[in-house]
Amino acid sequence: MPERRNRPPTVKHAKRLRGEMTEAEKKLWYRIRLNQVGGCHFRRQVSIGDYAVDFACLSKKLVIEVDGGQHDWRKDEDEARTRYLEARGYRVIRFWNNEVFENVEGVLHVIARAVGIPV
C-alpha cells in the first residue's frame, strides 16, 4: 500500500507552522509564491509523510528547507528527514536564513536550476 502523503498529526502541525513562519521563510515565500519561479507552483508548510517541510513544488518533487541556527544541533535529525524525503523521490535543497536575507537572488537562482529552468 502506498504511503499517505498527509498524516493527520503532521497536517495539523503544518497548518500551525503556516501561521508561525520565520522572517526568512516569509521573505522567500514572497518570492516563490504565485508561480514566480518558472511557473512552478510552490506550497508552504507541506505535510509529507511524517514531516512538514517549509516549501515544496510537488509537480517537480522539490523540497526547500530554510534553516536557522537551531539546525546546527539538529544535524542528525535533518539528515534523517532528508533521507526519508529522498527515499520517496523528493530532492531536498537547504538554505540558511542568512543566505535568504543576504542573497535572495542567488537562492532563487539555485531554486530555478533545481526545477529545470535555465538561468
PDB file of N, CA and C in Angstrom:
ATOM      1  N   MET A   1       0.842  -1.187   0.000  1.00  0.00           N
ATOM      2  CA  MET A   1       0.000   0.000   0.000  1.00  0.00           C
ATOM      3  C   MET A   1       0.883   1.245   0.000  1.00  0.00           C
ATOM      4  N   PRO A   2       0.607   2.222  -0.875  1.00  0.00           N
ATOM      5  CA  PRO A   2       1.427   3.428  -0.910  1.00  0.00           C
ATOM      6  C   PRO A   2       1.272   4.241   0.369  1.00  0.00           C
ATOM      7  N   GLU A   3       2.338   4.927   0.716  1.00  0.00           N
ATOM      8  CA  GLU A   3       2.321   5.748   1.923  1.00  0.00           C
ATOM      9  C   GLU A   3       1.472   6.994   1.697  1.00  0.00           C
ATOM     10  N   ARG A   4       0.696   7.350   2.706  1.00  0.00           N
ATOM     11  CA  ARG A   4      -0.099   8.575   2.618  1.00  0.00           C
ATOM     12  C   ARG A   4       0.805   9.781   2.724  1.00  0.00           C
ATOM     13  N   ARG A   5       0.556  10.768   1.882  1.00  0.00           N
ATOM     14  CA  ARG A   5       1.358  11.989   1.934  1.00  0.00           C
ATOM     15  C   ARG A   5       0.970  12.837   3.133  1.00  0.00           C
ATOM     16  N   ASN A   6      -0.279  12.838   3.489  1.00  0.00           N
ATOM     17  CA  ASN A   6      -0.756  13.688   4.581  1.00  0.00           C
ATOM     18  C   ASN A   6      -1.257  12.853   5.748  1.00  0.00           C
ATOM     19  N   ARG A   7      -0.539  12.885   6.825  1.00  0.00           N
ATOM     20  CA  ARG A   7      -0.970  12.207   8.050  1.00  0.00           C
ATOM     21  C   ARG A   7      -1.585  13.257   8.967  1.00  0.00           C
ATOM     22  N   PRO A   8      -2.733  12.956   9.571  1.00  0.00           N
ATOM     23  CA  PRO A   8      -3.446  13.981  10.354  1.00  0.00           C
ATOM     24  C   PRO A   8      -2.594  14.761  11.353  1.00  0.00           C
ATOM     25  N   PRO A   9      -1.734  14.116  12.170  1.00  0.00           N
ATOM     26  CA  PRO A   9      -0.943  14.943  13.108  1.00  0.00           C
ATOM     27  C   PRO A   9       0.031  15.873  12.375  1.00  0.00           C
ATOM     28  N   THR A  10       0.570  15.410  11.253  1.00  0.00           N
ATOM     29  CA  THR A  10       1.512  16.228  10.500  1.00  0.00           C
ATOM     30  C   THR A  10       0.778  17.371   9.805  1.00  0.00           C
ATOM     31  N   VAL A  11      -0.405  17.117   9.311  1.00  0.00           N
ATOM     32  CA  VAL A  11      -1.199  18.161   8.663  1.00  0.00           C
ATOM     33  C   VAL A  11      -1.523  19.261   9.676  1.00  0.00           C
ATOM     34  N   LYS A  12      -1.898  18.881  10.869  1.00  0.00           N
ATOM     35  CA  LYS A  12      -2.225  19.853  11.918  1.00  0.00           C
ATOM     36  C   LYS A  12      -0.983  20.685  12.267  1.00  0.00           C
ATOM     37  N   HIS A  13       0.164  20.010  12.365  1.00  0.00           N
ATOM     38  CA  HIS A  13       1.426  20.696  12.657  1.00  0.00           C
ATOM     39  C   HIS A  13       1.776  21.667  11.528  1.00  0.00           C
ATOM     40  N   ALA A  14       1.630  21.223  10.286  1.00  0.00           N
ATOM     41  CA  ALA A  14       1.933  22.070   9.131  1.00  0.00           C
ATOM     42  C   ALA A  14       1.036  23.303   9.120  1.00  0.00           C
ATOM     43  N   LYS A  15      -0.229  23.127   9.432  1.00  0.00           N
ATOM     44  CA  LYS A  15      -1.164  24.250   9.454  1.00  0.00           C
ATOM     45  C   LYS A  15      -0.743  25.284  10.504  1.00  0.00           C
ATOM     46  N   ARG A  16      -0.317  24.787  11.664  1.00  0.00           N
ATOM     47  CA  ARG A  16       0.145  25.688  12.721  1.00  0.00           C
ATOM     48  C   ARG A  16       1.390  26.449  12.267  1.00  0.00           C
ATOM     49  N   LEU A  17       2.309  25.742  11.591  1.00  0.00           N
ATOM     50  CA  LEU A  17       3.550  26.371  11.134  1.00  0.00           C
ATOM     51  C   LEU A  17       3.306  27.455  10.092  1.00  0.00           C
ATOM     52  N   ARG A  18       2.239  27.330   9.300  1.00  0.00           N
ATOM     53  CA  ARG A  18       1.934  28.363   8.305  1.00  0.00           C
ATOM     54  C   ARG A  18       1.731  29.714   8.970  1.00  0.00           C
ATOM     55  N   GLY A  19       1.206  29.695  10.170  1.00  0.00           N
ATOM     56  CA  GLY A  19       0.982  30.936  10.901  1.00  0.00           C
ATOM     57  C   GLY A  19       2.184  31.397  11.697  1.00  0.00           C
ATOM     58  N   GLU A  20       3.235  30.586  11.735  1.00  0.00           N
ATOM     59  CA  GLU A  20       4.425  30.898  12.529  1.00  0.00           C
ATOM     60  C   GLU A  20       5.692  30.918  11.680  1.00  0.00           C
ATOM     61  N   MET A  21       5.582  31.331  10.444  1.00  0.00           N
ATOM     62  CA  MET A  21       6.752  31.341   9.568  1.00  0.00           C
ATOM     63  C   MET A  21       7.809  32.304  10.101  1.00  0.00           C
ATOM     64  N   THR A  22       9.078  31.913   9.932  1.00  0.00           N
ATOM     65  CA  THR A  22      10.172  32.801  10.319  1.00  0.00           C
ATOM     66  C   THR A  22      10.265  33.943   9.313  1.00  0.00           C
ATOM     67  N   GLU A  23      11.017  34.966   9.665  1.00  0.00           N
ATOM     68  CA  GLU A  23      11.184  36.098   8.743  1.00  0.00           C
ATOM     69  C   GLU A  23      11.864  35.650   7.456  1.00  0.00           C
ATOM     70  N   ALA A  24      12.826  34.745   7.553  1.00  0.00           N
ATOM     71  CA  ALA A  24      13.495  34.244   6.344  1.00  0.00           C
ATOM     72  C   ALA A  24      12.508  33.465   5.472  1.00  0.00           C
ATOM     73  N   GLU A  25      11.674  32.635   6.096  1.00  0.00           N
ATOM     74  CA  GLU A  25      10.663  31.890   5.332  1.00  0.00           C
ATOM     75  C   GLU A  25       9.687  32.842   4.657  1.00  0.00           C
ATOM     76  N   LYS A  26       9.270  33.883   5.368  1.00  0.00           N
ATOM     77  CA  LYS A  26       8.351  34.865   4.782  1.00  0.00           C
ATOM     78  C   LYS A  26       8.981  35.550   3.578  1.00  0.00           C
ATOM     79  N   LYS A  27      10.255  35.910   3.705  1.00  0.00           N
ATOM     80  CA  LYS A  27      10.940  36.596   2.602  1.00  0.00           C
ATOM     81  C   LYS A  27      11.014  35.697   1.379  1.00  0.00           C
ATOM     82  N   LEU A  28      11.378  34.423   1.578  1.00  0.00           N
ATOM     83  CA  LEU A  28      11.463  33.510   0.444  1.00  0.00           C
ATOM     84  C   LEU A  28      10.074  33.209  -0.119  1.00  0.00           C
ATOM     85  N   TRP A  29       9.093  33.002   0.742  1.00  0.00           N
ATOM     86  CA  TRP A  29       7.734  32.718   0.286  1.00  0.00           C
ATOM     87  C   TRP A  29       7.210  33.836  -0.613  1.00  0.00           C
ATOM     88  N   TYR A  30       7.490  35.074  -0.225  1.00  0.00           N
ATOM     89  CA  TYR A  30       7.046  36.205  -1.024  1.00  0.00           C
ATOM     90  C   TYR A  30       7.602  36.135  -2.446  1.00  0.00           C
ATOM     91  N   ARG A  31       8.785  35.546  -2.617  1.00  0.00           N
ATOM     92  CA  ARG A  31       9.446  35.486  -3.920  1.00  0.00           C
ATOM     93  C   ARG A  31       9.115  34.230  -4.724  1.00  0.00           C
ATOM     94  N   ILE A  32       8.622  33.156  -4.067  1.00  0.00           N
ATOM     95  CA  ILE A  32       8.346  31.926  -4.833  1.00  0.00           C
ATOM     96  C   ILE A  32       6.854  31.642  -4.979  1.00  0.00           C
ATOM     97  N   ARG A  33       6.031  32.334  -4.230  1.00  0.00           N
ATOM     98  CA  ARG A  33       4.586  32.090  -4.322  1.00  0.00           C
ATOM     99  C   ARG A  33       4.063  32.581  -5.661  1.00  0.00           C
ATOM    100  N   LEU A  34       2.861  32.237  -5.992  1.00  0.00           N
ATOM    101  CA  LEU A  34       2.199  32.701  -7.207  1.00  0.00           C
ATOM    102  C   LEU A  34       2.971  32.347  -8.477  1.00  0.00           C
ATOM    103  N   ASN A  35       3.591  31.165  -8.473  1.00  0.00           N
ATOM    104  CA  ASN A  35       4.263  30.631  -9.666  1.00  0.00           C
ATOM    105  C   ASN A  35       5.348  31.552 -10.219  1.00  0.00           C
ATOM    106  N   GLN A  36       6.063  32.226  -9.336  1.00  0.00           N
ATOM    107  CA  GLN A  36       7.054  33.214  -9.764  1.00  0.00           C
ATOM    108  C   GLN A  36       8.380  32.604 -10.218  1.00  0.00           C
ATOM    109  N   VAL A  37       8.617  31.333  -9.940  1.00  0.00           N
ATOM    110  CA  VAL A  37       9.861  30.684 -10.368  1.00  0.00           C
ATOM    111  C   VAL A  37       9.519  29.740 -11.514  1.00  0.00           C
ATOM    112  N   GLY A  38       9.651  30.230 -12.718  1.00  0.00           N
ATOM    113  CA  GLY A  38       9.419  29.413 -13.896  1.00  0.00           C
ATOM    114  C   GLY A  38       8.037  28.815 -14.002  1.00  0.00           C
ATOM    115  N   GLY A  39       7.061  29.469 -13.405  1.00  0.00           N
ATOM    116  CA  GLY A  39       5.696  28.961 -13.462  1.00  0.00           C
ATOM    117  C   GLY A  39       5.428  27.794 -12.533  1.00  0.00           C
ATOM    118  N   CYS A  40       6.393  27.440 -11.679  1.00  0.00           N
ATOM    119  CA  CYS A  40       6.218  26.307 -10.756  1.00  0.00           C
ATOM    120  C   CYS A  40       5.378  26.721  -9.551  1.00  0.00           C
ATOM    121  N   HIS A  41       4.467  25.854  -9.181  1.00  0.00           N
ATOM    122  CA  HIS A  41       3.588  26.112  -8.042  1.00  0.00           C
ATOM    123  C   HIS A  41       4.223  25.563  -6.771  1.00  0.00           C
ATOM    124  N   PHE A  42       4.557  26.454  -5.852  1.00  0.00           N
ATOM    125  CA  PHE A  42       5.096  26.053  -4.558  1.00  0.00           C
ATOM    126  C   PHE A  42       4.016  26.177  -3.496  1.00  0.00           C
ATOM    127  N   ARG A  43       4.062  25.272  -2.551  1.00  0.00           N
ATOM    128  CA  ARG A  43       3.192  25.332  -1.373  1.00  0.00           C
ATOM    129  C   ARG A  43       4.084  25.517  -0.162  1.00  0.00           C
ATOM    130  N   ARG A  44       3.538  26.100   0.896  1.00  0.00           N
ATOM    131  CA  ARG A  44       4.323  26.300   2.114  1.00  0.00           C
ATOM    132  C   ARG A  44       3.840  25.376   3.208  1.00  0.00           C
ATOM    133  N   GLN A  45       4.771  24.978   4.066  1.00  0.00           N
ATOM    134  CA  GLN A  45       4.484  24.090   5.193  1.00  0.00           C
ATOM    135  C   GLN A  45       3.622  22.911   4.740  1.00  0.00           C
ATOM    136  N   VAL A  46       4.230  22.079   3.908  1.00  0.00           N
ATOM    137  CA  VAL A  46       3.545  20.949   3.296  1.00  0.00           C
ATOM    138  C   VAL A  46       3.796  19.694   4.105  1.00  0.00           C
ATOM    139  N   SER A  47       2.754  18.932   4.345  1.00  0.00           N
ATOM    140  CA  SER A  47       2.861  17.660   5.043  1.00  0.00           C
ATOM    141  C   SER A  47       3.249  16.575   4.042  1.00  0.00           C
ATOM    142  N   ILE A  48       4.400  15.929   4.304  1.00  0.00           N
ATOM    143  CA  ILE A  48       4.837  14.791   3.500  1.00  0.00           C
ATOM    144  C   ILE A  48       5.178  13.670   4.473  1.00  0.00           C
ATOM    145  N   GLY A  49       4.310  12.683   4.547  1.00  0.00           N
ATOM    146  CA  GLY A  49       4.527  11.574   5.480  1.00  0.00           C
ATOM    147  C   GLY A  49       4.610  12.067   6.915  1.00  0.00           C
ATOM    148  N   ASP A  50       5.747  11.802   7.550  1.00  0.00           N
ATOM    149  CA  ASP A  50       5.944  12.165   8.953  1.00  0.00           C
ATOM    150  C   ASP A  50       6.404  13.598   9.168  1.00  0.00           C
ATOM    151  N   TYR A  51       6.613  14.330   8.102  1.00  0.00           N
ATOM    152  CA  TYR A  51       7.243  15.647   8.215  1.00  0.00           C
ATOM    153  C   TYR A  51       6.406  16.751   7.591  1.00  0.00           C
ATOM    154  N   ALA A  52       6.608  17.966   8.123  1.00  0.00           N
ATOM    155  CA  ALA A  52       6.088  19.179   7.495  1.00  0.00           C
ATOM    156  C   ALA A  52       7.308  19.911   6.963  1.00  0.00           C
ATOM    157  N   VAL A  53       7.375  20.095   5.655  1.00  0.00           N
ATOM    158  CA  VAL A  53       8.525  20.756   5.041  1.00  0.00           C
ATOM    159  C   VAL A  53       8.195  22.223   4.807  1.00  0.00           C
ATOM    160  N   ASP A  54       9.228  23.061   4.750  1.00  0.00           N
ATOM    161  CA  ASP A  54       8.998  24.504   4.609  1.00  0.00           C
ATOM    162  C   ASP A  54       8.264  24.838   3.318  1.00  0.00           C
ATOM    163  N   PHE A  55       8.814  24.373   2.184  1.00  0.00           N
ATOM    164  CA  PHE A  55       8.206  24.649   0.885  1.00  0.00           C
ATOM    165  C   PHE A  55       8.360  23.424  -0.001  1.00  0.00           C
ATOM    166  N   ALA A  56       7.400  23.226  -0.903  1.00  0.00           N
ATOM    167  CA  ALA A  56       7.505  22.113  -1.840  1.00  0.00           C
ATOM    168  C   ALA A  56       6.828  22.465  -3.151  1.00  0.00           C
ATOM    169  N   CYS A  57       7.467  22.043  -4.227  1.00  0.00           N
ATOM    170  CA  CYS A  57       6.854  22.048  -5.547  1.00  0.00           C
ATOM    171  C   CYS A  57       6.581  20.568  -5.814  1.00  0.00           C
ATOM    172  N   LEU A  58       5.348  20.160  -5.628  1.00  0.00           N
ATOM    173  CA  LEU A  58       5.005  18.743  -5.709  1.00  0.00           C
ATOM    174  C   LEU A  58       5.168  18.192  -7.117  1.00  0.00           C
ATOM    175  N   SER A  59       4.876  18.994  -8.130  1.00  0.00           N
ATOM    176  CA  SER A  59       4.997  18.504  -9.504  1.00  0.00           C
ATOM    177  C   SER A  59       6.449  18.215  -9.886  1.00  0.00           C
ATOM    178  N   LYS A  60       7.388  18.934  -9.284  1.00  0.00           N
ATOM    179  CA  LYS A  60       8.815  18.727  -9.547  1.00  0.00           C
ATOM    180  C   LYS A  60       9.477  17.874  -8.465  1.00  0.00           C
ATOM    181  N   LYS A  61       8.690  17.511  -7.441  1.00  0.00           N
ATOM    182  CA  LYS A  61       9.195  16.731  -6.299  1.00  0.00           C
ATOM    183  C   LYS A  61      10.425  17.404  -5.677  1.00  0.00           C
ATOM    184  N   LEU A  62      10.297  18.713  -5.461  1.00  0.00           N
ATOM    185  CA  LEU A  62      11.365  19.512  -4.870  1.00  0.00           C
ATOM    186  C   LEU A  62      10.920  20.048  -3.519  1.00  0.00           C
ATOM    187  N   VAL A  63      11.758  19.860  -2.518  1.00  0.00           N
ATOM    188  CA  VAL A  63      11.524  20.384  -1.174  1.00  0.00           C
ATOM    189  C   VAL A  63      12.593  21.433  -0.889  1.00  0.00           C
ATOM    190  N   ILE A  64      12.159  22.555  -0.332  1.00  0.00           N
ATOM    191  CA  ILE A  64      13.079  23.621   0.079  1.00  0.00           C
ATOM    192  C   ILE A  64      12.951  23.789   1.583  1.00  0.00           C
ATOM    193  N   GLU A  65      14.085  23.738   2.269  1.00  0.00           N
ATOM    194  CA  GLU A  65      14.128  23.970   3.702  1.00  0.00           C
ATOM    195  C   GLU A  65      14.950  25.223   3.969  1.00  0.00           C
ATOM    196  N   VAL A  66      14.459  26.072   4.861  1.00  0.00           N
ATOM    197  CA  VAL A  66      15.175  27.270   5.282  1.00  0.00           C
ATOM    198  C   VAL A  66      15.526  27.060   6.743  1.00  0.00           C
ATOM    199  N   ASP A  67      16.831  26.985   7.001  1.00  0.00           N
ATOM    200  CA  ASP A  67      17.306  26.597   8.328  1.00  0.00           C
ATOM    201  C   ASP A  67      17.891  27.769   9.097  1.00  0.00           C
ATOM    202  N   GLY A  68      17.546  27.825  10.366  1.00  0.00           N
ATOM    203  CA  GLY A  68      18.127  28.806  11.280  1.00  0.00           C
ATOM    204  C   GLY A  68      19.192  28.144  12.138  1.00  0.00           C
ATOM    205  N   GLY A  69      19.660  28.854  13.132  1.00  0.00           N
ATOM    206  CA  GLY A  69      20.743  28.374  13.992  1.00  0.00           C
ATOM    207  C   GLY A  69      20.441  27.087  14.734  1.00  0.00           C
ATOM    208  N   GLN A  70      19.161  26.807  15.012  1.00  0.00           N
ATOM    209  CA  GLN A  70      18.806  25.591  15.734  1.00  0.00           C
ATOM    210  C   GLN A  70      19.187  24.339  14.963  1.00  0.00           C
ATOM    211  N   HIS A  71      19.395  24.470  13.663  1.00  0.00           N
ATOM    212  CA  HIS A  71      19.727  23.302  12.849  1.00  0.00           C
ATOM    213  C   HIS A  71      21.183  22.881  13.016  1.00  0.00           C
ATOM    214  N   ASP A  72      21.996  23.730  13.634  1.00  0.00           N
ATOM    215  CA  ASP A  72      23.376  23.338  13.938  1.00  0.00           C
ATOM    216  C   ASP A  72      23.396  22.118  14.852  1.00  0.00           C
ATOM    217  N   TRP A  73      22.506  22.090  15.826  1.00  0.00           N
ATOM    218  CA  TRP A  73      22.491  20.973  16.777  1.00  0.00           C
ATOM    219  C   TRP A  73      21.451  19.924  16.421  1.00  0.00           C
ATOM    220  N   ARG A  74      20.796  20.073  15.275  1.00  0.00           N
ATOM    221  CA  ARG A  74      19.806  19.078  14.820  1.00  0.00           C
ATOM    222  C   ARG A  74      20.253  18.388  13.533  1.00  0.00           C
ATOM    223  N   LYS A  75      21.564  18.343  13.299  1.00  0.00           N
ATOM    224  CA  LYS A  75      22.082  17.789  12.050  1.00  0.00           C
ATOM    225  C   LYS A  75      21.607  16.367  11.792  1.00  0.00           C
ATOM    226  N   ASP A  76      21.663  15.519  12.801  1.00  0.00           N
ATOM    227  CA  ASP A  76      21.255  14.119  12.624  1.00  0.00           C
ATOM    228  C   ASP A  76      19.779  14.021  12.244  1.00  0.00           C
ATOM    229  N   GLU A  77      18.945  14.830  12.907  1.00  0.00           N
ATOM    230  CA  GLU A  77      17.514  14.833  12.587  1.00  0.00           C
ATOM    231  C   GLU A  77      17.271  15.331  11.162  1.00  0.00           C
ATOM    232  N   ASP A  78      17.984  16.376  10.772  1.00  0.00           N
ATOM    233  CA  ASP A  78      17.826  16.920   9.421  1.00  0.00           C
ATOM    234  C   ASP A  78      18.281  15.912   8.368  1.00  0.00           C
ATOM    235  N   GLU A  79      19.375  15.208   8.647  1.00  0.00           N
ATOM    236  CA  GLU A  79      19.854  14.201   7.697  1.00  0.00           C
ATOM    237  C   GLU A  79      18.856  13.054   7.572  1.00  0.00           C
ATOM    238  N   ALA A  80      18.266  12.628   8.688  1.00  0.00           N
ATOM    239  CA  ALA A  80      17.256  11.565   8.643  1.00  0.00           C
ATOM    240  C   ALA A  80      16.036  12.019   7.856  1.00  0.00           C
ATOM    241  N   ARG A  81      15.635  13.238   8.060  1.00  0.00           N
ATOM    242  CA  ARG A  81      14.494  13.824   7.338  1.00  0.00           C
ATOM    243  C   ARG A  81      14.778  13.857   5.836  1.00  0.00           C
ATOM    244  N   THR A  82      15.986  14.293   5.472  1.00  0.00           N
ATOM    245  CA  THR A  82      16.369  14.349   4.059  1.00  0.00           C
ATOM    246  C   THR A  82      16.367  12.945   3.452  1.00  0.00           C
ATOM    247  N   ARG A  83      16.930  11.965   4.155  1.00  0.00           N
ATOM    248  CA  ARG A  83      16.926  10.584   3.641  1.00  0.00           C
ATOM    249  C   ARG A  83      15.500  10.080   3.447  1.00  0.00           C
ATOM    250  N   TYR A  84      14.614  10.367   4.388  1.00  0.00           N
ATOM    251  CA  TYR A  84      13.208   9.961   4.314  1.00  0.00           C
ATOM    252  C   TYR A  84      12.566  10.542   3.045  1.00  0.00           C
ATOM    253  N   LEU A  85      12.767  11.833   2.822  1.00  0.00           N
ATOM    254  CA  LEU A  85      12.162  12.500   1.670  1.00  0.00           C
ATOM    255  C   LEU A  85      12.773  12.017   0.356  1.00  0.00           C
ATOM    256  N   GLU A  86      14.096  11.851   0.339  1.00  0.00           N
ATOM    257  CA  GLU A  86      14.756  11.375  -0.873  1.00  0.00           C
ATOM    258  C   GLU A  86      14.327   9.950  -1.219  1.00  0.00           C
ATOM    259  N   ALA A  87      14.094   9.126  -0.203  1.00  0.00           N
ATOM    260  CA  ALA A  87      13.629   7.758  -0.445  1.00  0.00           C
ATOM    261  C   ALA A  87      12.247   7.755  -1.089  1.00  0.00           C
ATOM    262  N   ARG A  88      11.526   8.851  -0.974  1.00  0.00           N
ATOM    263  CA  ARG A  88      10.200   8.978  -1.566  1.00  0.00           C
ATOM    264  C   ARG A  88      10.234   9.784  -2.857  1.00  0.00           C
ATOM    265  N   GLY A  89      11.440  10.001  -3.374  1.00  0.00           N
ATOM    266  CA  GLY A  89      11.584  10.641  -4.680  1.00  0.00           C
ATOM    267  C   GLY A  89      11.739  12.145  -4.676  1.00  0.00           C
ATOM    268  N   TYR A  90      11.828  12.764  -3.508  1.00  0.00           N
ATOM    269  CA  TYR A  90      11.975  14.216  -3.434  1.00  0.00           C
ATOM    270  C   TYR A  90      13.441  14.617  -3.447  1.00  0.00           C
ATOM    271  N   ARG A  91      13.720  15.748  -4.061  1.00  0.00           N
ATOM    272  CA  ARG A  91      15.033  16.362  -3.968  1.00  0.00           C
ATOM    273  C   ARG A  91      14.912  17.452  -2.913  1.00  0.00           C
ATOM    274  N   VAL A  92      15.865  17.505  -2.003  1.00  0.00           N
ATOM    275  CA  VAL A  92      15.822  18.474  -0.906  1.00  0.00           C
ATOM    276  C   VAL A  92      16.980  19.447  -1.062  1.00  0.00           C
ATOM    277  N   ILE A  93      16.653  20.743  -1.056  1.00  0.00           N
ATOM    278  CA  ILE A  93      17.703  21.753  -1.022  1.00  0.00           C
ATOM    279  C   ILE A  93      17.486  22.604   0.224  1.00  0.00           C
ATOM    280  N   ARG A  94      18.603  22.986   0.833  1.00  0.00           N
ATOM    281  CA  ARG A  94      18.565  23.735   2.091  1.00  0.00           C
ATOM    282  C   ARG A  94      19.309  25.052   1.946  1.00  0.00           C
ATOM    283  N   PHE A  95      18.761  26.050   2.607  1.00  0.00           N
ATOM    284  CA  PHE A  95      19.399  27.353   2.672  1.00  0.00           C
ATOM    285  C   PHE A  95      19.404  27.803   4.124  1.00  0.00           C
ATOM    286  N   TRP A  96      20.457  28.499   4.514  1.00  0.00           N
ATOM    287  CA  TRP A  96      20.499  29.111   5.837  1.00  0.00           C
ATOM    288  C   TRP A  96      19.712  30.416   5.781  1.00  0.00           C
ATOM    289  N   ASN A  97      19.171  30.810   6.909  1.00  0.00           N
ATOM    290  CA  ASN A  97      18.437  32.075   6.995  1.00  0.00           C
ATOM    291  C   ASN A  97      19.251  33.222   6.416  1.00  0.00           C
ATOM    292  N   ASN A  98      20.534  33.309   6.783  1.00  0.00           N
ATOM    293  CA  ASN A  98      21.346  34.438   6.323  1.00  0.00           C
ATOM    294  C   ASN A  98      21.504  34.439   4.802  1.00  0.00           C
ATOM    295  N   GLU A  99      21.474  33.271   4.153  1.00  0.00           N
ATOM    296  CA  GLU A  99      21.524  33.234   2.691  1.00  0.00           C
ATOM    297  C   GLU A  99      20.297  33.915   2.095  1.00  0.00           C
ATOM    298  N   VAL A 100      19.138  33.641   2.682  1.00  0.00           N
ATOM    299  CA  VAL A 100      17.896  34.242   2.194  1.00  0.00           C
ATOM    300  C   VAL A 100      17.930  35.749   2.404  1.00  0.00           C
ATOM    301  N   PHE A 101      18.393  36.194   3.577  1.00  0.00           N
ATOM    302  CA  PHE A 101      18.426  37.626   3.862  1.00  0.00           C
ATOM    303  C   PHE A 101      19.474  38.359   3.033  1.00  0.00           C
ATOM    304  N   GLU A 102      20.639  37.750   2.850  1.00  0.00           N
ATOM    305  CA  GLU A 102      21.755  38.456   2.221  1.00  0.00           C
ATOM    306  C   GLU A 102      21.867  38.229   0.715  1.00  0.00           C
ATOM    307  N   ASN A 103      21.266  37.153   0.193  1.00  0.00           N
ATOM    308  CA  ASN A 103      21.428  36.841  -1.225  1.00  0.00           C
ATOM    309  C   ASN A 103      20.203  36.113  -1.763  1.00  0.00           C
ATOM    310  N   VAL A 104      19.048  36.702  -1.634  1.00  0.00           N
ATOM    311  CA  VAL A 104      17.824  36.042  -2.076  1.00  0.00           C
ATOM    312  C   VAL A 104      17.846  35.769  -3.577  1.00  0.00           C
ATOM    313  N   GLU A 105      18.491  36.626  -4.348  1.00  0.00           N
ATOM    314  CA  GLU A 105      18.570  36.388  -5.799  1.00  0.00           C
ATOM    315  C   GLU A 105      19.377  35.121  -6.090  1.00  0.00           C
ATOM    316  N   GLY A 106      20.448  34.913  -5.359  1.00  0.00           N
ATOM    317  CA  GLY A 106      21.236  33.689  -5.517  1.00  0.00           C
ATOM    318  C   GLY A 106      20.441  32.459  -5.122  1.00  0.00           C
ATOM    319  N   VAL A 107      19.655  32.569  -4.051  1.00  0.00           N
ATOM    320  CA  VAL A 107      18.790  31.472  -3.614  1.00  0.00           C
ATOM    321  C   VAL A 107      17.776  31.150  -4.713  1.00  0.00           C
ATOM    322  N   LEU A 108      17.168  32.174  -5.285  1.00  0.00           N
ATOM    323  CA  LEU A 108      16.200  31.967  -6.363  1.00  0.00           C
ATOM    324  C   LEU A 108      16.844  31.328  -7.587  1.00  0.00           C
ATOM    325  N   HIS A 109      18.084  31.687  -7.849  1.00  0.00           N
ATOM    326  CA  HIS A 109      18.834  31.102  -8.959  1.00  0.00           C
ATOM    327  C   HIS A 109      19.005  29.591  -8.738  1.00  0.00           C
ATOM    328  N   VAL A 110      19.371  29.189  -7.535  1.00  0.00           N
ATOM    329  CA  VAL A 110      19.530  27.761  -7.206  1.00  0.00           C
ATOM    330  C   VAL A 110      18.197  27.029  -7.338  1.00  0.00           C
ATOM    331  N   ILE A 111      17.129  27.643  -6.858  1.00  0.00           N
ATOM    332  CA  ILE A 111      15.795  27.029  -6.949  1.00  0.00           C
ATOM    333  C   ILE A 111      15.391  26.868  -8.412  1.00  0.00           C
ATOM    334  N   ALA A 112      15.616  27.896  -9.208  1.00  0.00           N
ATOM    335  CA  ALA A 112      15.264  27.832 -10.638  1.00  0.00           C
ATOM    336  C   ALA A 112      16.006  26.685 -11.319  1.00  0.00           C
ATOM    337  N   ARG A 113      17.289  26.554 -11.042  1.00  0.00           N
ATOM    338  CA  ARG A 113      18.056  25.442 -11.615  1.00  0.00           C
ATOM    339  C   ARG A 113      17.510  24.102 -11.151  1.00  0.00           C
ATOM    340  N   ALA A 114      17.102  24.020  -9.887  1.00  0.00           N
ATOM    341  CA  ALA A 114      16.596  22.766  -9.335  1.00  0.00           C
ATOM    342  C   ALA A 114      15.285  22.328  -9.988  1.00  0.00           C
ATOM    343  N   VAL A 115      14.490  23.277 -10.474  1.00  0.00           N
ATOM    344  CA  VAL A 115      13.243  22.920 -11.146  1.00  0.00           C
ATOM    345  C   VAL A 115      13.412  22.861 -12.657  1.00  0.00           C
ATOM    346  N   GLY A 116      14.652  23.001 -13.111  1.00  0.00           N
ATOM    347  CA  GLY A 116      14.931  22.820 -14.533  1.00  0.00           C
ATOM    348  C   GLY A 116      14.803  24.058 -15.389  1.00  0.00           C
ATOM    349  N   ILE A 117      14.849  25.227 -14.763  1.00  0.00           N
ATOM    350  CA  ILE A 117      14.764  26.489 -15.505  1.00  0.00           C
ATOM    351  C   ILE A 117      16.186  26.920 -15.831  1.00  0.00           C
ATOM    352  N   PRO A 118      16.527  27.075 -17.119  1.00  0.00           N
ATOM    353  CA  PRO A 118      17.873  27.538 -17.446  1.00  0.00           C
ATOM    354  C   PRO A 118      18.050  28.987 -17.013  1.00  0.00           C
ATOM    355  N   VAL A 119      19.128  29.228 -16.290  1.00  0.00           N
ATOM    356  CA  VAL A 119      19.391  30.600 -15.819  1.00  0.00           C
ATOM    357  C   VAL A 119      20.784  31.037 -16.214  1.00  0.00           C
TER     358      VAL A 119
END
